[in-house]
Amino acid sequence: MTEHTIPSERAAAISKIRTAMIEKKMTQAELADTACCHEKTVQNLIAGRQVRDQTLFDVCAVLGLEFESIREAWSGAVISGPMELKGEGGLVAPVYMGAYTKAAVDHYIGTYLTVRPSFSMPESYVAYRTDIIWDPTWPSLLFEESGRPDVAYEHRGRIYVPASSMFVHLVSLTKGAMRMIMLSQLDQTGYMRGLITTLNKQGAVLIPVCSPIVYVQRQDIADNELGEIAPGHTCYEAYRTMINEATTQGYAKLID
């Protein structure tokens, strides 16, 4: 039987995948389950056999690896041009993210006050900070949350901008768990309004939740504007108005 020879570049990519699995203490079976593929597919990947780009992408997303560098090493060649899964020259997002250019979306770059209803405290709101930057290594807008009262659940992810839509999508993916926020495009007043769909811990279980959410582009955000905002707080009425406008002005609709 002919021995299967792995090119050095692909071997380097496999080494990164193995290292990430060790760091996250994941077995091949656990990686396959989280990446939504068959364990045999992961075995083929670790053995250096050809797998689909989507499999590589899903594995990289689970392990926190940069897809482009792994894909390039896997193919043994630098991917150039406007590729569907790569983007171009650090200035054009991949096709699957909307193929938007940095110049077309640079007005999104900045800091945002983020407000949504509290999932655990009735008649209250949660306010935190979201920063949006351009990531040239994986050309796309990147968002990162901070200042949340539940620090362990702060999210970091990518922004998808469909070419023919009035909405953008903030998506975070962690070990197969996805959270998506659908927002109206940034308007001249610095607002984006829409819906968040995620999971919320209720006792011993996580349950799906959906609520209106508002982003306001700001130069500065005071500490007392963040956290759990209950009735009587100085920001409460302003936040209640912002959330109500998201549904009453047609940016989102909740159906019982």
Protein backbone atom coordinates (compact mmCIF):
# COMPACT_ATOMS: atom_id res chain seq x y z
CA MET A 1 0.00 0.00 0.00
CA THR A 2 1.33 3.44 -0.93
CA GLU A 3 2.10 5.56 2.14
CA HIS A 4 0.08 8.74 2.38
CA THR A 5 2.54 11.67 2.22
CA ILE A 6 1.42 14.98 3.73
CA PRO A 7 2.93 18.15 2.18
CA SER A 8 4.89 20.23 4.69
CA GLU A 9 2.49 23.19 4.46
CA ARG A 10 -0.53 20.98 5.18
CA ALA A 11 1.37 19.30 8.01
CA ALA A 12 1.92 22.73 9.57
CA ALA A 13 -1.83 23.45 9.35
CA ILE A 14 -2.62 20.09 10.97
CA SER A 15 -0.15 20.89 13.75
CA LYS A 16 -2.01 24.15 14.48
CA ILE A 17 -5.32 22.30 14.57
CA ARG A 18 -3.92 19.65 16.92
CA THR A 19 -2.44 22.30 19.21
CA ALA A 20 -5.75 24.17 19.35
CA MET A 21 -7.56 20.93 20.19
CA ILE A 22 -5.13 20.27 23.05
CA GLU A 23 -5.51 23.83 24.37
CA LYS A 24 -9.31 23.48 24.33
CA LYS A 25 -9.11 19.89 25.64
CA MET A 26 -11.22 18.60 22.75
CA THR A 27 -11.20 15.07 21.38
CA GLN A 28 -11.79 14.34 17.70
CA ALA A 29 -15.32 13.21 18.56
CA GLU A 30 -16.03 16.43 20.47
CA LEU A 31 -14.62 18.55 17.64
CA ALA A 32 -16.78 16.71 15.11
CA ASP A 33 -19.89 17.16 17.26
CA THR A 34 -19.27 20.89 17.81
CA ALA A 35 -18.36 21.54 14.16
CA CYS A 36 -21.48 19.62 13.01
CA CYS A 37 -19.62 17.03 10.94
CA HIS A 38 -18.91 13.29 11.12
CA GLU A 39 -16.08 12.04 13.30
CA LYS A 40 -14.64 10.26 10.26
CA THR A 41 -14.39 13.67 8.54
CA VAL A 42 -12.29 15.01 11.41
CA GLN A 43 -10.14 11.86 11.27
CA ASN A 44 -9.54 12.48 7.56
CA LEU A 45 -8.65 16.10 8.29
CA ILE A 46 -6.14 15.17 11.01
CA ALA A 47 -4.68 12.56 8.63
CA GLY A 48 -4.15 15.27 6.01
CA ARG A 49 -6.68 13.96 3.52
CA GLN A 50 -8.71 16.37 1.40
CA VAL A 51 -11.81 17.86 3.05
CA ARG A 52 -14.30 20.51 1.99
CA ASP A 53 -13.53 24.20 2.55
CA GLN A 54 -16.71 24.42 4.64
CA THR A 55 -15.35 21.72 6.96
CA LEU A 56 -12.10 23.62 7.39
CA PHE A 57 -14.06 26.81 8.04
CA ASP A 58 -16.29 25.15 10.67
CA VAL A 59 -13.29 23.57 12.43
CA CYS A 60 -11.41 26.88 12.46
CA ALA A 61 -14.48 28.65 13.88
CA VAL A 62 -14.75 26.11 16.70
CA LEU A 63 -11.02 26.18 17.52
CA GLY A 64 -10.57 29.94 17.15
CA LEU A 65 -8.12 29.65 14.23
CA GLU A 66 -7.84 32.03 11.30
CA PHE A 67 -9.46 30.26 8.34
CA GLU A 68 -7.41 32.02 5.65
CA SER A 69 -4.01 30.91 6.92
CA ILE A 70 -5.18 27.33 7.50
CA ARG A 71 -6.81 27.21 4.05
CA GLU A 72 -3.69 28.56 2.33
CA ALA A 73 -1.44 26.04 4.10
CA TRP A 74 -3.90 23.24 3.32
CA SER A 75 -3.90 24.03 -0.39
CA GLY A 76 -0.16 24.63 -0.44
CA ALA A 77 -0.59 27.92 -2.28
CA VAL A 78 -1.39 31.50 -1.46
CA ILE A 79 -4.98 32.29 -2.33
CA SER A 80 -5.08 35.51 -4.33
CA GLY A 81 -7.85 37.51 -5.89
CA PRO A 82 -11.42 38.08 -4.67
CA MET A 83 -11.94 34.57 -3.28
CA GLU A 84 -15.30 33.51 -1.88
CA LEU A 85 -13.87 32.42 1.48
CA LYS A 86 -10.98 34.84 1.84
CA GLY A 87 -11.58 38.39 0.71
CA GLU A 88 -9.00 40.48 -1.10
CA GLY A 89 -5.92 42.31 0.08
CA GLY A 90 -7.26 43.09 3.54
CA LEU A 91 -9.73 45.58 2.05
CA VAL A 92 -12.61 43.43 0.73
CA ALA A 93 -14.71 41.09 2.86
CA PRO A 94 -15.30 37.52 1.64
CA VAL A 95 -18.27 36.93 -0.66
CA TYR A 96 -20.14 34.92 1.98
CA MET A 97 -20.00 38.00 4.26
CA GLY A 98 -21.26 40.38 1.57
CA ALA A 99 -18.05 41.21 -0.34
CA TYR A 100 -18.14 44.74 1.10
CA THR A 101 -15.12 47.03 0.96
CA LYS A 102 -13.52 48.80 3.90
CA ALA A 103 -14.19 52.15 2.22
CA ALA A 104 -17.91 51.37 1.94
CA VAL A 105 -18.34 50.56 5.64
CA ASP A 106 -15.75 52.68 7.43
CA HIS A 107 -18.53 54.84 8.92
CA TYR A 108 -19.45 51.84 11.10
CA ILE A 109 -16.05 51.91 12.79
CA GLY A 110 -16.37 53.35 16.30
CA THR A 111 -17.87 52.89 19.76
CA TYR A 112 -21.54 52.22 20.45
CA LEU A 113 -23.79 52.40 23.48
CA THR A 114 -25.79 49.17 23.27
CA VAL A 115 -29.17 48.85 25.00
CA ARG A 116 -31.63 45.95 25.22
CA PRO A 117 -34.26 44.75 27.72
CA SER A 118 -32.92 42.69 30.61
CA PHE A 119 -33.61 38.97 30.18
CA SER A 120 -33.77 38.35 33.94
CA MET A 121 -35.06 41.57 35.54
CA PRO A 122 -38.58 42.64 34.49
CA GLU A 123 -39.01 46.29 33.42
CA SER A 124 -35.24 46.78 33.35
CA TYR A 125 -32.60 47.26 30.65
CA VAL A 126 -29.02 46.17 30.10
CA ALA A 127 -26.57 48.69 28.65
CA TYR A 128 -23.00 47.98 27.56
CA ARG A 129 -20.30 49.07 25.13
CA THR A 130 -19.68 47.64 21.66
CA ASP A 131 -16.59 48.54 19.63
CA ILE A 132 -16.49 47.98 15.86
CA ILE A 133 -13.15 47.89 14.02
CA TRP A 134 -11.87 46.72 10.64
CA ASP A 135 -9.83 43.52 10.78
CA PRO A 136 -7.42 43.38 7.80
CA THR A 137 -6.24 39.83 8.63
CA TRP A 138 -9.75 38.47 8.00
CA PRO A 139 -11.05 41.44 5.99
CA SER A 140 -14.35 42.38 7.59
CA LEU A 141 -15.88 44.46 10.34
CA LEU A 142 -15.25 42.97 13.77
CA PHE A 143 -17.33 43.79 16.87
CA GLU A 144 -16.43 43.29 20.52
CA GLU A 145 -18.54 43.88 23.63
CA SER A 146 -17.37 45.19 27.01
CA GLY A 147 -18.84 46.70 30.14
CA ARG A 148 -21.59 44.09 30.43
CA PRO A 149 -22.73 43.20 33.96
CA ASP A 150 -22.46 39.53 32.93
CA VAL A 151 -18.83 39.69 31.81
CA ALA A 152 -18.64 35.95 31.10
CA TYR A 153 -21.16 36.34 28.26
CA GLU A 154 -19.52 39.22 26.39
CA HIS A 155 -19.42 38.43 22.68
CA ARG A 156 -16.94 39.03 19.87
CA GLY A 157 -17.76 38.34 16.23
CA ARG A 158 -18.03 39.43 12.61
CA ILE A 159 -20.44 41.71 10.76
CA TYR A 160 -22.18 40.52 7.61
CA VAL A 161 -23.44 43.20 5.20
CA PRO A 162 -25.74 41.91 2.43
CA ALA A 163 -25.48 43.94 -0.77
CA SER A 164 -29.23 44.43 -1.25
CA SER A 165 -30.55 44.71 2.30
CA MET A 166 -31.38 47.53 4.70
CA PHE A 167 -30.04 45.40 7.57
CA VAL A 168 -26.65 44.15 8.74
CA HIS A 169 -25.95 41.03 10.84
CA LEU A 170 -23.66 40.83 13.88
CA VAL A 171 -22.79 37.15 14.27
CA SER A 172 -20.74 35.43 16.95
CA LEU A 173 -19.97 31.72 16.81
CA THR A 174 -18.48 29.82 19.75
CA LYS A 175 -18.15 26.05 19.63
CA GLY A 176 -21.19 25.75 17.41
CA ALA A 177 -23.31 28.15 19.50
CA MET A 178 -24.43 31.09 17.38
CA ARG A 179 -25.84 34.46 18.39
CA MET A 180 -27.15 36.86 15.75
CA ILE A 181 -28.18 40.49 15.94
CA MET A 182 -30.03 41.94 12.95
CA LEU A 183 -29.81 45.74 12.78
CA SER A 184 -30.92 48.50 10.47
CA GLN A 185 -28.01 50.13 8.68
CA LEU A 186 -26.32 52.99 10.52
CA ASP A 187 -28.34 56.17 9.93
CA GLN A 188 -27.26 59.81 9.94
CA THR A 189 -28.12 60.17 13.64
CA GLY A 190 -25.79 57.30 14.58
CA TYR A 191 -28.50 54.75 15.40
CA MET A 192 -28.92 51.09 14.48
CA ARG A 193 -32.08 49.30 15.65
CA GLY A 194 -33.25 45.71 15.40
CA LEU A 195 -33.48 42.34 17.14
CA ILE A 196 -31.14 40.09 19.08
CA THR A 197 -31.62 36.31 19.11
CA THR A 198 -29.57 34.40 21.65
CA LEU A 199 -29.69 32.03 24.62
CA ASN A 200 -30.37 33.07 28.22
CA LYS A 201 -29.60 31.08 31.34
CA GLN A 202 -32.75 30.32 33.30
CA GLY A 203 -31.81 28.30 36.36
CA ALA A 204 -30.03 25.17 35.17
CA VAL A 205 -30.91 25.50 31.48
CA LEU A 206 -30.39 27.84 28.54
CA ILE A 207 -33.48 28.92 26.62
CA PRO A 208 -33.85 30.89 23.35
CA VAL A 209 -34.73 34.56 23.75
CA CYS A 210 -35.37 37.44 21.35
CA SER A 211 -35.75 41.14 22.09
CA PRO A 212 -35.35 44.60 20.53
CA ILE A 213 -31.86 46.08 20.71
CA VAL A 214 -30.45 49.53 19.89
CA TYR A 215 -26.91 50.71 19.09
CA VAL A 216 -26.00 54.40 19.36
CA GLN A 217 -22.64 55.57 17.99
CA ARG A 218 -20.95 57.68 20.67
CA GLN A 219 -17.63 59.41 21.26
CA ASP A 220 -17.79 58.85 25.01
CA ILE A 221 -19.82 56.59 27.30
CA ALA A 222 -19.98 57.31 31.03
CA ASP A 223 -19.71 54.48 33.53
CA ASN A 224 -23.13 55.28 35.01
CA GLU A 225 -24.73 54.71 31.60
CA LEU A 226 -23.75 51.02 31.66
CA GLY A 227 -24.98 47.98 33.54
CA GLU A 228 -28.43 46.96 34.81
CA ILE A 229 -30.72 49.96 34.37
CA ALA A 230 -33.78 49.63 36.61
CA PRO A 231 -36.74 52.04 37.03
CA GLY A 232 -35.58 55.19 38.81
CA HIS A 233 -32.15 55.21 37.16
CA THR A 234 -31.29 58.51 35.46
CA CYS A 235 -31.00 56.76 32.08
CA TYR A 236 -34.11 54.61 32.42
CA GLU A 237 -36.63 56.76 30.56
CA ALA A 238 -34.22 57.50 27.71
CA TYR A 239 -33.50 53.78 27.27
CA ARG A 240 -37.18 52.86 27.42
CA THR A 241 -37.90 55.38 24.65
CA MET A 242 -35.05 54.00 22.52
CA ILE A 243 -36.29 50.41 22.84
CA ASN A 244 -39.92 51.34 22.19
CA GLU A 245 -38.91 53.20 19.01
CA ALA A 246 -37.26 50.04 17.65
CA THR A 247 -40.68 48.37 17.38
CA THR A 248 -43.07 51.32 16.99
CA GLN A 249 -41.09 52.88 14.13
CA GLY A 250 -40.90 49.68 12.07
CA TYR A 251 -37.33 48.55 12.68
CA ALA A 252 -38.45 45.27 14.27
CA LYS A 253 -41.65 43.39 15.00
CA LEU A 254 -42.32 40.94 17.82
CA ILE A 255 -45.14 38.42 17.26
CA ASP A 256 -46.60 36.43 20.14
